[in-house]
Protein backbone atom coordinates (compact mmCIF):
# COMPACT_ATOMS: atom_id res chain seq x y z
CA MET A 1 -42.60 16.50 19.91
CA THR A 2 -43.74 13.00 20.69
CA ASN A 3 -41.79 10.64 22.93
CA VAL A 4 -40.97 7.09 21.85
CA ASN A 5 -39.40 4.41 24.02
CA VAL A 6 -36.92 2.16 22.21
CA SER A 7 -35.14 -0.94 23.53
CA LEU A 8 -31.52 -1.17 22.40
CA PRO A 9 -28.67 -3.56 23.03
CA GLU A 10 -26.11 -2.08 25.44
CA PRO A 11 -23.44 -1.47 22.73
CA MET A 12 -25.89 0.64 20.72
CA LYS A 13 -26.87 2.67 23.78
CA GLU A 14 -23.19 3.22 24.57
CA TRP A 15 -22.50 4.36 21.02
CA LEU A 16 -25.36 6.89 21.18
CA GLU A 17 -24.08 8.24 24.47
CA ALA A 18 -20.52 8.39 23.11
CA GLU A 19 -21.71 10.54 20.19
CA VAL A 20 -23.11 13.01 22.72
CA LYS A 21 -19.96 12.92 24.88
CA ARG A 22 -17.78 13.60 21.82
CA GLY A 23 -19.81 16.75 21.30
CA ASN A 24 -21.26 15.68 17.98
CA TYR A 25 -24.79 16.06 19.36
CA GLY A 26 -26.40 17.71 22.34
CA THR A 27 -28.61 14.77 23.32
CA VAL A 28 -29.22 11.14 22.47
CA SER A 29 -32.52 12.24 20.91
CA GLU A 30 -30.61 14.47 18.49
CA VAL A 31 -28.48 11.49 17.43
CA VAL A 32 -31.55 9.36 16.80
CA ARG A 33 -33.31 12.14 14.86
CA SER A 34 -30.19 12.62 12.73
CA LEU A 35 -30.03 8.89 11.97
CA ILE A 36 -33.72 8.85 11.02
CA ARG A 37 -33.31 11.89 8.73
CA GLU A 38 -30.35 10.17 7.02
CA ALA A 39 -32.39 6.98 6.55
CA GLN A 40 -35.26 9.03 5.09
CA ARG A 41 -32.86 10.79 2.70
CA ARG A 42 -31.42 7.45 1.57
CA ALA A 43 -34.92 6.07 1.02
CA GLY A 44 -35.73 9.12 -1.13
CA ASP A 45 -32.49 8.61 -3.07
CA ASP A 46 -33.39 4.96 -3.62
CA GLU A 47 -36.84 5.94 -4.90
CA LEU A 48 -35.35 8.52 -7.27
CA GLU A 49 -32.83 5.97 -8.55
CA GLN A 50 -35.64 3.48 -9.19
CA LEU A 51 -37.63 6.09 -11.13
CA LEU A 52 -34.57 7.00 -13.19
CA LEU A 53 -33.93 3.33 -14.01
CA GLU A 54 -37.56 2.89 -15.05
CA GLY A 55 -37.23 5.91 -17.32
CA ILE A 56 -34.03 4.60 -18.89
CA GLN A 57 -35.58 1.19 -19.48
CA SER A 58 -38.86 2.60 -20.85
CA GLY A 59 -37.64 2.96 -24.42
CA LYS A 60 -36.02 5.34 -26.82
CA PRO A 61 -35.17 8.70 -25.22
CA LEU A 62 -36.72 11.90 -26.51
CA ASP A 63 -34.73 14.79 -27.95
CA GLY A 64 -35.25 17.44 -25.29
CA LYS A 65 -34.49 20.36 -27.64
CA ALA A 66 -36.95 19.10 -30.23
CA VAL A 67 -39.66 18.60 -27.62
CA MET A 68 -39.14 22.12 -26.24
CA GLU A 69 -39.26 23.59 -29.76
CA ARG A 70 -42.56 21.81 -30.48
CA LEU A 71 -43.99 23.10 -27.18
CA ARG A 72 -42.84 26.66 -27.95
CA LYS A 73 -44.48 26.54 -31.41
CA LYS A 74 -47.66 25.08 -29.96
CA ASN A 75 -47.77 27.77 -27.28
CA ALA A 76 -47.05 30.56 -29.80
CA ALA A 77 -49.92 29.30 -32.00
CA ARG A 78 -52.24 29.24 -29.01
CA VAL A 79 -51.26 32.79 -28.00
CA SER A 80 -51.72 34.17 -31.52
CA LYS A 81 -55.09 32.41 -31.80
CA LYS A 82 -56.21 34.01 -28.52
CA LYS A 83 -55.21 37.45 -29.81
CA LEU A 84 -57.46 36.95 -32.85
CA THR A 85 -60.53 36.19 -30.72
């Protein structure tokens, strides 16, 4: 692992240390890593939400069953054509 030095206000440092003292984490580094993982997860959730909104706003939705049926028929035709050659 790589070390990073971070300057924090005293109340933040005390909160990190309190999390360790309460037994929630083994070290201050574990608290920081946990906070970073949570921020990364939230960022991923935000990105997914944005993509979903773009999809919703992109126009009329497709009928999933109809699309799958067309793909099955197309694939079946391709398979039967391969068998003939």
